[in-house]
Amino acid sequence: MKEMTAKEVEVALKKGKKLNLIDVREVDEIAAGKIPGVTNIPLHLIEFRMNELDKSKEYIMVCRSGGRSGQATMFLKNQGFNVINMTGGMLAWEGSVE
């Protein structure tokens, strides 16, 4: 499984890189703070909403600590998607939140 640290994601965003971020936390967790521009697809809905994703794009999966995003990364990878897990999740995120 491909991985990036929260710091690597933050640096890429600060450099203006366009990243496709998907946060797999529940809606109430997102309300406490999310990375600006992230798309929320709770983990239990990934299977049902993967038709919204484009297999030609790269996606970075985010959650609270990296566990659920790791599960989502493996699932989507097995479905033919190009995905990266953000290790450490929002607990490791030091960038801005909305």
PDB file of N, CA and C in Angstrom:
ATOM      1  N   MET A   1       0.846  -1.187   0.000  1.00  0.00           N
ATOM      2  CA  MET A   1       0.000   0.000   0.000  1.00  0.00           C
ATOM      3  C   MET A   1       0.884   1.239   0.000  1.00  0.00           C
ATOM      4  N   LYS A   2       0.553   2.169  -0.912  1.00  0.00           N
ATOM      5  CA  LYS A   2       1.288   3.433  -0.959  1.00  0.00           C
ATOM      6  C   LYS A   2       0.855   4.294   0.219  1.00  0.00           C
ATOM      7  N   GLU A   3       1.809   5.019   0.780  1.00  0.00           N
ATOM      8  CA  GLU A   3       1.519   5.875   1.940  1.00  0.00           C
ATOM      9  C   GLU A   3       2.219   7.221   1.800  1.00  0.00           C
ATOM     10  N   MET A   4       1.620   8.222   2.417  1.00  0.00           N
ATOM     11  CA  MET A   4       2.212   9.554   2.579  1.00  0.00           C
ATOM     12  C   MET A   4       1.968   9.968   4.016  1.00  0.00           C
ATOM     13  N   THR A   5       2.897  10.719   4.582  1.00  0.00           N
ATOM     14  CA  THR A   5       2.672  11.235   5.925  1.00  0.00           C
ATOM     15  C   THR A   5       1.781  12.466   5.843  1.00  0.00           C
ATOM     16  N   ALA A   6       1.189  12.826   6.970  1.00  0.00           N
ATOM     17  CA  ALA A   6       0.373  14.033   7.034  1.00  0.00           C
ATOM     18  C   ALA A   6       1.206  15.255   6.649  1.00  0.00           C
ATOM     19  N   LYS A   7       2.458  15.274   7.049  1.00  0.00           N
ATOM     20  CA  LYS A   7       3.347  16.397   6.736  1.00  0.00           C
ATOM     21  C   LYS A   7       3.604  16.485   5.233  1.00  0.00           C
ATOM     22  N   GLU A   8       3.802  15.334   4.572  1.00  0.00           N
ATOM     23  CA  GLU A   8       4.013  15.336   3.123  1.00  0.00           C
ATOM     24  C   GLU A   8       2.781  15.876   2.387  1.00  0.00           C
ATOM     25  N   VAL A   9       1.607  15.508   2.851  1.00  0.00           N
ATOM     26  CA  VAL A   9       0.362  16.009   2.255  1.00  0.00           C
ATOM     27  C   VAL A   9       0.264  17.515   2.470  1.00  0.00           C
ATOM     28  N   GLU A  10       0.551  17.960   3.687  1.00  0.00           N
ATOM     29  CA  GLU A  10       0.481  19.390   4.010  1.00  0.00           C
ATOM     30  C   GLU A  10       1.438  20.196   3.133  1.00  0.00           C
ATOM     31  N   VAL A  11       2.672  19.720   2.983  1.00  0.00           N
ATOM     32  CA  VAL A  11       3.675  20.421   2.171  1.00  0.00           C
ATOM     33  C   VAL A  11       3.227  20.488   0.710  1.00  0.00           C
ATOM     34  N   ALA A  12       2.688  19.383   0.191  1.00  0.00           N
ATOM     35  CA  ALA A  12       2.211  19.367  -1.201  1.00  0.00           C
ATOM     36  C   ALA A  12       1.093  20.382  -1.404  1.00  0.00           C
ATOM     37  N   LEU A  13       0.163  20.458  -0.454  1.00  0.00           N
ATOM     38  CA  LEU A  13      -0.927  21.433  -0.554  1.00  0.00           C
ATOM     39  C   LEU A  13      -0.400  22.863  -0.492  1.00  0.00           C
ATOM     40  N   LYS A  14       0.568  23.120   0.394  1.00  0.00           N
ATOM     41  CA  LYS A  14       1.137  24.464   0.518  1.00  0.00           C
ATOM     42  C   LYS A  14       1.863  24.886  -0.746  1.00  0.00           C
ATOM     43  N   LYS A  15       2.397  23.891  -1.492  1.00  0.00           N
ATOM     44  CA  LYS A  15       3.086  24.181  -2.754  1.00  0.00           C
ATOM     45  C   LYS A  15       2.098  24.365  -3.897  1.00  0.00           C
ATOM     46  N   GLY A  16       0.804  24.239  -3.586  1.00  0.00           N
ATOM     47  CA  GLY A  16      -0.219  24.454  -4.599  1.00  0.00           C
ATOM     48  C   GLY A  16      -0.581  23.216  -5.402  1.00  0.00           C
ATOM     49  N   LYS A  17      -0.087  22.058  -4.988  1.00  0.00           N
ATOM     50  CA  LYS A  17      -0.416  20.832  -5.706  1.00  0.00           C
ATOM     51  C   LYS A  17      -1.891  20.492  -5.500  1.00  0.00           C
ATOM     52  N   LYS A  18      -2.570  20.112  -6.582  1.00  0.00           N
ATOM     53  CA  LYS A  18      -3.984  19.724  -6.516  1.00  0.00           C
ATOM     54  C   LYS A  18      -4.043  18.260  -6.091  1.00  0.00           C
ATOM     55  N   LEU A  19      -4.558  18.020  -4.892  1.00  0.00           N
ATOM     56  CA  LEU A  19      -4.680  16.665  -4.366  1.00  0.00           C
ATOM     57  C   LEU A  19      -6.157  16.308  -4.248  1.00  0.00           C
ATOM     58  N   ASN A  20      -6.468  15.063  -4.508  1.00  0.00           N
ATOM     59  CA  ASN A  20      -7.823  14.550  -4.333  1.00  0.00           C
ATOM     60  C   ASN A  20      -7.866  13.829  -2.991  1.00  0.00           C
ATOM     61  N   LEU A  21      -8.352  14.519  -1.977  1.00  0.00           N
ATOM     62  CA  LEU A  21      -8.394  13.973  -0.626  1.00  0.00           C
ATOM     63  C   LEU A  21      -9.787  13.460  -0.304  1.00  0.00           C
ATOM     64  N   ILE A  22      -9.838  12.253   0.253  1.00  0.00           N
ATOM     65  CA  ILE A  22     -11.113  11.680   0.684  1.00  0.00           C
ATOM     66  C   ILE A  22     -10.986  11.323   2.155  1.00  0.00           C
ATOM     67  N   ASP A  23     -11.845  11.931   2.966  1.00  0.00           N
ATOM     68  CA  ASP A  23     -11.869  11.676   4.403  1.00  0.00           C
ATOM     69  C   ASP A  23     -12.958  10.639   4.678  1.00  0.00           C
ATOM     70  N   VAL A  24     -12.550   9.496   5.251  1.00  0.00           N
ATOM     71  CA  VAL A  24     -13.496   8.395   5.467  1.00  0.00           C
ATOM     72  C   VAL A  24     -14.093   8.389   6.874  1.00  0.00           C
ATOM     73  N   ARG A  25     -13.881   9.484   7.625  1.00  0.00           N
ATOM     74  CA  ARG A  25     -14.483   9.564   8.960  1.00  0.00           C
ATOM     75  C   ARG A  25     -15.981   9.805   8.855  1.00  0.00           C
ATOM     76  N   GLU A  26     -16.666   9.590   9.963  1.00  0.00           N
ATOM     77  CA  GLU A  26     -18.108   9.833  10.027  1.00  0.00           C
ATOM     78  C   GLU A  26     -18.383  11.345  10.011  1.00  0.00           C
ATOM     79  N   VAL A  27     -19.599  11.718   9.639  1.00  0.00           N
ATOM     80  CA  VAL A  27     -19.988  13.119   9.500  1.00  0.00           C
ATOM     81  C   VAL A  27     -19.745  13.908  10.789  1.00  0.00           C
ATOM     82  N   ASP A  28     -20.049  13.320  11.950  1.00  0.00           N
ATOM     83  CA  ASP A  28     -19.848  14.035  13.213  1.00  0.00           C
ATOM     84  C   ASP A  28     -18.364  14.267  13.495  1.00  0.00           C
ATOM     85  N   GLU A  29     -17.488  13.378  13.042  1.00  0.00           N
ATOM     86  CA  GLU A  29     -16.043  13.573  13.218  1.00  0.00           C
ATOM     87  C   GLU A  29     -15.548  14.697  12.314  1.00  0.00           C
ATOM     88  N   ILE A  30     -16.077  14.758  11.103  1.00  0.00           N
ATOM     89  CA  ILE A  30     -15.708  15.797  10.142  1.00  0.00           C
ATOM     90  C   ILE A  30     -16.069  17.176  10.695  1.00  0.00           C
ATOM     91  N   ALA A  31     -17.182  17.247  11.395  1.00  0.00           N
ATOM     92  CA  ALA A  31     -17.651  18.519  11.944  1.00  0.00           C
ATOM     93  C   ALA A  31     -16.632  19.120  12.915  1.00  0.00           C
ATOM     94  N   ALA A  32     -15.796  18.280  13.518  1.00  0.00           N
ATOM     95  CA  ALA A  32     -14.789  18.754  14.467  1.00  0.00           C
ATOM     96  C   ALA A  32     -13.577  19.366  13.761  1.00  0.00           C
ATOM     97  N   GLY A  33     -13.500  19.216  12.449  1.00  0.00           N
ATOM     98  CA  GLY A  33     -12.395  19.785  11.683  1.00  0.00           C
ATOM     99  C   GLY A  33     -11.937  18.859  10.580  1.00  0.00           C
ATOM    100  N   LYS A  34     -11.731  19.452   9.393  1.00  0.00           N
ATOM    101  CA  LYS A  34     -11.285  18.675   8.249  1.00  0.00           C
ATOM    102  C   LYS A  34     -10.275  19.482   7.453  1.00  0.00           C
ATOM    103  N   ILE A  35      -9.531  18.796   6.623  1.00  0.00           N
ATOM    104  CA  ILE A  35      -8.588  19.458   5.743  1.00  0.00           C
ATOM    105  C   ILE A  35      -9.398  20.226   4.690  1.00  0.00           C
ATOM    106  N   PRO A  36      -9.095  21.497   4.453  1.00  0.00           N
ATOM    107  CA  PRO A  36      -9.854  22.272   3.467  1.00  0.00           C
ATOM    108  C   PRO A  36      -9.876  21.571   2.104  1.00  0.00           C
ATOM    109  N   GLY A  37     -11.065  21.489   1.522  1.00  0.00           N
ATOM    110  CA  GLY A  37     -11.217  20.903   0.202  1.00  0.00           C
ATOM    111  C   GLY A  37     -11.395  19.393   0.162  1.00  0.00           C
ATOM    112  N   VAL A  38     -11.372  18.754   1.314  1.00  0.00           N
ATOM    113  CA  VAL A  38     -11.505  17.294   1.359  1.00  0.00           C
ATOM    114  C   VAL A  38     -12.945  16.879   1.036  1.00  0.00           C
ATOM    115  N   THR A  39     -13.091  15.710   0.427  1.00  0.00           N
ATOM    116  CA  THR A  39     -14.407  15.117   0.171  1.00  0.00           C
ATOM    117  C   THR A  39     -14.669  14.096   1.263  1.00  0.00           C
ATOM    118  N   ASN A  40     -15.852  14.115   1.849  1.00  0.00           N
ATOM    119  CA  ASN A  40     -16.191  13.149   2.901  1.00  0.00           C
ATOM    120  C   ASN A  40     -17.009  11.999   2.323  1.00  0.00           C
ATOM    121  N   ILE A  41     -16.437  10.789   2.432  1.00  0.00           N
ATOM    122  CA  ILE A  41     -17.161   9.561   2.115  1.00  0.00           C
ATOM    123  C   ILE A  41     -16.891   8.607   3.277  1.00  0.00           C
ATOM    124  N   PRO A  42     -17.810   8.513   4.244  1.00  0.00           N
ATOM    125  CA  PRO A  42     -17.587   7.619   5.384  1.00  0.00           C
ATOM    126  C   PRO A  42     -17.230   6.195   4.925  1.00  0.00           C
ATOM    127  N   LEU A  43     -16.345   5.558   5.672  1.00  0.00           N
ATOM    128  CA  LEU A  43     -15.829   4.243   5.302  1.00  0.00           C
ATOM    129  C   LEU A  43     -16.934   3.258   4.925  1.00  0.00           C
ATOM    130  N   HIS A  44     -18.010   3.231   5.698  1.00  0.00           N
ATOM    131  CA  HIS A  44     -19.063   2.245   5.424  1.00  0.00           C
ATOM    132  C   HIS A  44     -19.825   2.523   4.120  1.00  0.00           C
ATOM    133  N   LEU A  45     -19.580   3.684   3.506  1.00  0.00           N
ATOM    134  CA  LEU A  45     -20.235   4.028   2.248  1.00  0.00           C
ATOM    135  C   LEU A  45     -19.308   3.944   1.027  1.00  0.00           C
ATOM    136  N   ILE A  46     -18.020   3.669   1.254  1.00  0.00           N
ATOM    137  CA  ILE A  46     -17.040   3.631   0.157  1.00  0.00           C
ATOM    138  C   ILE A  46     -17.497   2.693  -0.962  1.00  0.00           C
ATOM    139  N   GLU A  47     -17.912   1.504  -0.604  1.00  0.00           N
ATOM    140  CA  GLU A  47     -18.320   0.517  -1.609  1.00  0.00           C
ATOM    141  C   GLU A  47     -19.470   1.044  -2.476  1.00  0.00           C
ATOM    142  N   PHE A  48     -20.385   1.781  -1.853  1.00  0.00           N
ATOM    143  CA  PHE A  48     -21.571   2.268  -2.552  1.00  0.00           C
ATOM    144  C   PHE A  48     -21.338   3.566  -3.314  1.00  0.00           C
ATOM    145  N   ARG A  49     -20.276   4.296  -2.943  1.00  0.00           N
ATOM    146  CA  ARG A  49     -20.024   5.594  -3.587  1.00  0.00           C
ATOM    147  C   ARG A  49     -18.772   5.602  -4.460  1.00  0.00           C
ATOM    148  N   MET A  50     -18.119   4.457  -4.618  1.00  0.00           N
ATOM    149  CA  MET A  50     -16.890   4.445  -5.416  1.00  0.00           C
ATOM    150  C   MET A  50     -17.160   4.788  -6.876  1.00  0.00           C
ATOM    151  N   ASN A  51     -18.427   4.686  -7.317  1.00  0.00           N
ATOM    152  CA  ASN A  51     -18.780   5.082  -8.678  1.00  0.00           C
ATOM    153  C   ASN A  51     -18.611   6.599  -8.884  1.00  0.00           C
ATOM    154  N   GLU A  52     -18.482   7.363  -7.795  1.00  0.00           N
ATOM    155  CA  GLU A  52     -18.257   8.808  -7.878  1.00  0.00           C
ATOM    156  C   GLU A  52     -16.786   9.138  -8.148  1.00  0.00           C
ATOM    157  N   LEU A  53     -15.924   8.120  -8.031  1.00  0.00           N
ATOM    158  CA  LEU A  53     -14.485   8.318  -8.184  1.00  0.00           C
ATOM    159  C   LEU A  53     -14.038   7.966  -9.596  1.00  0.00           C
ATOM    160  N   ASP A  54     -12.917   8.552  -9.998  1.00  0.00           N
ATOM    161  CA  ASP A  54     -12.370   8.380 -11.338  1.00  0.00           C
ATOM    162  C   ASP A  54     -11.088   7.554 -11.242  1.00  0.00           C
ATOM    163  N   LYS A  55     -11.065   6.392 -11.900  1.00  0.00           N
ATOM    164  CA  LYS A  55      -9.897   5.506 -11.822  1.00  0.00           C
ATOM    165  C   LYS A  55      -8.643   6.115 -12.442  1.00  0.00           C
ATOM    166  N   SER A  56      -8.786   7.196 -13.214  1.00  0.00           N
ATOM    167  CA  SER A  56      -7.615   7.829 -13.820  1.00  0.00           C
ATOM    168  C   SER A  56      -6.954   8.836 -12.867  1.00  0.00           C
ATOM    169  N   LYS A  57      -7.600   9.101 -11.730  1.00  0.00           N
ATOM    170  CA  LYS A  57      -7.064  10.057 -10.756  1.00  0.00           C
ATOM    171  C   LYS A  57      -6.442   9.323  -9.568  1.00  0.00           C
ATOM    172  N   GLU A  58      -5.583  10.054  -8.866  1.00  0.00           N
ATOM    173  CA  GLU A  58      -4.974   9.524  -7.638  1.00  0.00           C
ATOM    174  C   GLU A  58      -5.717  10.123  -6.446  1.00  0.00           C
ATOM    175  N   TYR A  59      -6.025   9.288  -5.480  1.00  0.00           N
ATOM    176  CA  TYR A  59      -6.750   9.729  -4.283  1.00  0.00           C
ATOM    177  C   TYR A  59      -5.920   9.467  -3.037  1.00  0.00           C
ATOM    178  N   ILE A  60      -5.991  10.405  -2.099  1.00  0.00           N
ATOM    179  CA  ILE A  60      -5.333  10.244  -0.798  1.00  0.00           C
ATOM    180  C   ILE A  60      -6.427  10.076   0.244  1.00  0.00           C
ATOM    181  N   MET A  61      -6.363   8.962   0.957  1.00  0.00           N
ATOM    182  CA  MET A  61      -7.386   8.621   1.933  1.00  0.00           C
ATOM    183  C   MET A  61      -6.962   9.120   3.311  1.00  0.00           C
ATOM    184  N   VAL A  62      -7.924   9.712   4.041  1.00  0.00           N
ATOM    185  CA  VAL A  62      -7.671  10.327   5.347  1.00  0.00           C
ATOM    186  C   VAL A  62      -8.692   9.817   6.351  1.00  0.00           C
ATOM    187  N   CYS A  63      -8.263   9.613   7.610  1.00  0.00           N
ATOM    188  CA  CYS A  63      -9.200   9.329   8.703  1.00  0.00           C
ATOM    189  C   CYS A  63      -8.616   9.923   9.992  1.00  0.00           C
ATOM    190  N   ARG A  64      -9.054   9.445  11.112  1.00  0.00           N
ATOM    191  CA  ARG A  64      -8.587  10.000  12.384  1.00  0.00           C
ATOM    192  C   ARG A  64      -7.125   9.640  12.649  1.00  0.00           C
ATOM    193  N   SER A  65      -6.783   8.339  12.510  1.00  0.00           N
ATOM    194  CA  SER A  65      -5.428   7.908  12.865  1.00  0.00           C
ATOM    195  C   SER A  65      -4.699   7.137  11.766  1.00  0.00           C
ATOM    196  N   GLY A  66      -5.394   6.783  10.698  1.00  0.00           N
ATOM    197  CA  GLY A  66      -4.761   6.053   9.604  1.00  0.00           C
ATOM    198  C   GLY A  66      -5.276   4.631   9.418  1.00  0.00           C
ATOM    199  N   GLY A  67      -6.041   4.122  10.361  1.00  0.00           N
ATOM    200  CA  GLY A  67      -6.556   2.760  10.286  1.00  0.00           C
ATOM    201  C   GLY A  67      -7.677   2.585   9.274  1.00  0.00           C
ATOM    202  N   ARG A  68      -8.714   3.384   9.427  1.00  0.00           N
ATOM    203  CA  ARG A  68      -9.844   3.281   8.500  1.00  0.00           C
ATOM    204  C   ARG A  68      -9.448   3.698   7.090  1.00  0.00           C
ATOM    205  N   SER A  69      -8.602   4.710   6.984  1.00  0.00           N
ATOM    206  CA  SER A  69      -8.156   5.123   5.650  1.00  0.00           C
ATOM    207  C   SER A  69      -7.313   4.016   5.015  1.00  0.00           C
ATOM    208  N   GLY A  70      -6.600   3.256   5.834  1.00  0.00           N
ATOM    209  CA  GLY A  70      -5.844   2.110   5.332  1.00  0.00           C
ATOM    210  C   GLY A  70      -6.773   1.044   4.777  1.00  0.00           C
ATOM    211  N   GLN A  71      -7.878   0.797   5.471  1.00  0.00           N
ATOM    212  CA  GLN A  71      -8.874  -0.166   4.988  1.00  0.00           C
ATOM    213  C   GLN A  71      -9.473   0.311   3.664  1.00  0.00           C
ATOM    214  N   ALA A  72      -9.818   1.589   3.602  1.00  0.00           N
ATOM    215  CA  ALA A  72     -10.387   2.154   2.377  1.00  0.00           C
ATOM    216  C   ALA A  72      -9.377   2.089   1.234  1.00  0.00           C
ATOM    217  N   THR A  73      -8.112   2.359   1.539  1.00  0.00           N
ATOM    218  CA  THR A  73      -7.057   2.308   0.527  1.00  0.00           C
ATOM    219  C   THR A  73      -6.942   0.907  -0.058  1.00  0.00           C
ATOM    220  N   MET A  74      -6.913  -0.097   0.802  1.00  0.00           N
ATOM    221  CA  MET A  74      -6.797  -1.481   0.321  1.00  0.00           C
ATOM    222  C   MET A  74      -8.027  -1.881  -0.495  1.00  0.00           C
ATOM    223  N   PHE A  75      -9.213  -1.513  -0.035  1.00  0.00           N
ATOM    224  CA  PHE A  75     -10.438  -1.851  -0.751  1.00  0.00           C
ATOM    225  C   PHE A  75     -10.430  -1.228  -2.148  1.00  0.00           C
ATOM    226  N   LEU A  76     -10.169   0.089  -2.218  1.00  0.00           N
ATOM    227  CA  LEU A  76     -10.193   0.784  -3.501  1.00  0.00           C
ATOM    228  C   LEU A  76      -9.072   0.310  -4.423  1.00  0.00           C
ATOM    229  N   LYS A  77      -7.906   0.020  -3.856  1.00  0.00           N
ATOM    230  CA  LYS A  77      -6.790  -0.513  -4.651  1.00  0.00           C
ATOM    231  C   LYS A  77      -7.221  -1.817  -5.313  1.00  0.00           C
ATOM    232  N   ASN A  78      -7.890  -2.670  -4.568  1.00  0.00           N
ATOM    233  CA  ASN A  78      -8.367  -3.949  -5.106  1.00  0.00           C
ATOM    234  C   ASN A  78      -9.444  -3.766  -6.172  1.00  0.00           C
ATOM    235  N   GLN A  79     -10.068  -2.588  -6.210  1.00  0.00           N
ATOM    236  CA  GLN A  79     -11.085  -2.280  -7.221  1.00  0.00           C
ATOM    237  C   GLN A  79     -10.467  -1.568  -8.431  1.00  0.00           C
ATOM    238  N   GLY A  80      -9.142  -1.402  -8.414  1.00  0.00           N
ATOM    239  CA  GLY A  80      -8.451  -0.797  -9.554  1.00  0.00           C
ATOM    240  C   GLY A  80      -8.180   0.688  -9.454  1.00  0.00           C
ATOM    241  N   PHE A  81      -8.364   1.273  -8.263  1.00  0.00           N
ATOM    242  CA  PHE A  81      -8.114   2.704  -8.078  1.00  0.00           C
ATOM    243  C   PHE A  81      -6.671   2.957  -7.662  1.00  0.00           C
ATOM    244  N   ASN A  82      -6.183   4.160  -7.965  1.00  0.00           N
ATOM    245  CA  ASN A  82      -4.843   4.599  -7.583  1.00  0.00           C
ATOM    246  C   ASN A  82      -4.998   5.382  -6.276  1.00  0.00           C
ATOM    247  N   VAL A  83      -4.662   4.757  -5.157  1.00  0.00           N
ATOM    248  CA  VAL A  83      -4.918   5.350  -3.842  1.00  0.00           C
ATOM    249  C   VAL A  83      -3.687   5.318  -2.947  1.00  0.00           C
ATOM    250  N   ILE A  84      -3.633   6.308  -2.064  1.00  0.00           N
ATOM    251  CA  ILE A  84      -2.546   6.461  -1.095  1.00  0.00           C
ATOM    252  C   ILE A  84      -3.177   6.654   0.279  1.00  0.00           C
ATOM    253  N   ASN A  85      -2.609   6.017   1.289  1.00  0.00           N
ATOM    254  CA  ASN A  85      -3.086   6.207   2.666  1.00  0.00           C
ATOM    255  C   ASN A  85      -2.265   7.305   3.337  1.00  0.00           C
ATOM    256  N   MET A  86      -2.942   8.284   3.959  1.00  0.00           N
ATOM    257  CA  MET A  86      -2.236   9.303   4.746  1.00  0.00           C
ATOM    258  C   MET A  86      -2.020   8.739   6.147  1.00  0.00           C
ATOM    259  N   THR A  87      -0.778   8.376   6.436  1.00  0.00           N
ATOM    260  CA  THR A  87      -0.465   7.762   7.723  1.00  0.00           C
ATOM    261  C   THR A  87      -0.593   8.776   8.855  1.00  0.00           C
ATOM    262  N   GLY A  88      -1.033   8.306   9.997  1.00  0.00           N
ATOM    263  CA  GLY A  88      -1.191   9.165  11.169  1.00  0.00           C
ATOM    264  C   GLY A  88      -2.516   9.906  11.220  1.00  0.00           C
ATOM    265  N   GLY A  89      -3.174  10.008  10.057  1.00  0.00           N
ATOM    266  CA  GLY A  89      -4.485  10.639   9.989  1.00  0.00           C
ATOM    267  C   GLY A  89      -4.518  12.054  10.534  1.00  0.00           C
ATOM    268  N   MET A  90      -5.707  12.465  10.932  1.00  0.00           N
ATOM    269  CA  MET A  90      -5.903  13.827  11.437  1.00  0.00           C
ATOM    270  C   MET A  90      -5.182  14.049  12.770  1.00  0.00           C
ATOM    271  N   LEU A  91      -4.881  12.990  13.493  1.00  0.00           N
ATOM    272  CA  LEU A  91      -4.117  13.148  14.738  1.00  0.00           C
ATOM    273  C   LEU A  91      -2.725  13.699  14.443  1.00  0.00           C
ATOM    274  N   ALA A  92      -2.188  13.394  13.251  1.00  0.00           N
ATOM    275  CA  ALA A  92      -0.859  13.866  12.871  1.00  0.00           C
ATOM    276  C   ALA A  92      -0.904  15.147  12.045  1.00  0.00           C
ATOM    277  N   TRP A  93      -2.093  15.583  11.661  1.00  0.00           N
ATOM    278  CA  TRP A  93      -2.245  16.759  10.807  1.00  0.00           C
ATOM    279  C   TRP A  93      -1.936  18.034  11.578  1.00  0.00           C
ATOM    280  N   GLU A  94      -1.021  18.837  11.033  1.00  0.00           N
ATOM    281  CA  GLU A  94      -0.652  20.112  11.664  1.00  0.00           C
ATOM    282  C   GLU A  94      -1.067  21.304  10.819  1.00  0.00           C
ATOM    283  N   GLY A  95      -1.627  21.041   9.655  1.00  0.00           N
ATOM    284  CA  GLY A  95      -2.032  22.116   8.752  1.00  0.00           C
ATOM    285  C   GLY A  95      -3.352  22.736   9.166  1.00  0.00           C
ATOM    286  N   SER A  96      -3.842  23.591   8.298  1.00  0.00           N
ATOM    287  CA  SER A  96      -5.111  24.280   8.606  1.00  0.00           C
ATOM    288  C   SER A  96      -6.284  23.320   8.482  1.00  0.00           C
ATOM    289  N   VAL A  97      -7.353  23.640   9.209  1.00  0.00           N
ATOM    290  CA  VAL A  97      -8.584  22.857   9.161  1.00  0.00           C
ATOM    291  C   VAL A  97      -9.765  23.813   8.992  1.00  0.00           C
ATOM    292  N   GLU A  98     -10.848  23.253   8.491  1.00  0.00           N
ATOM    293  CA  GLU A  98     -12.063  24.074   8.362  1.00  0.00           C
ATOM    294  C   GLU A  98     -13.202  23.355   9.041  1.00  0.00           C
TER     295      GLU A  98
END
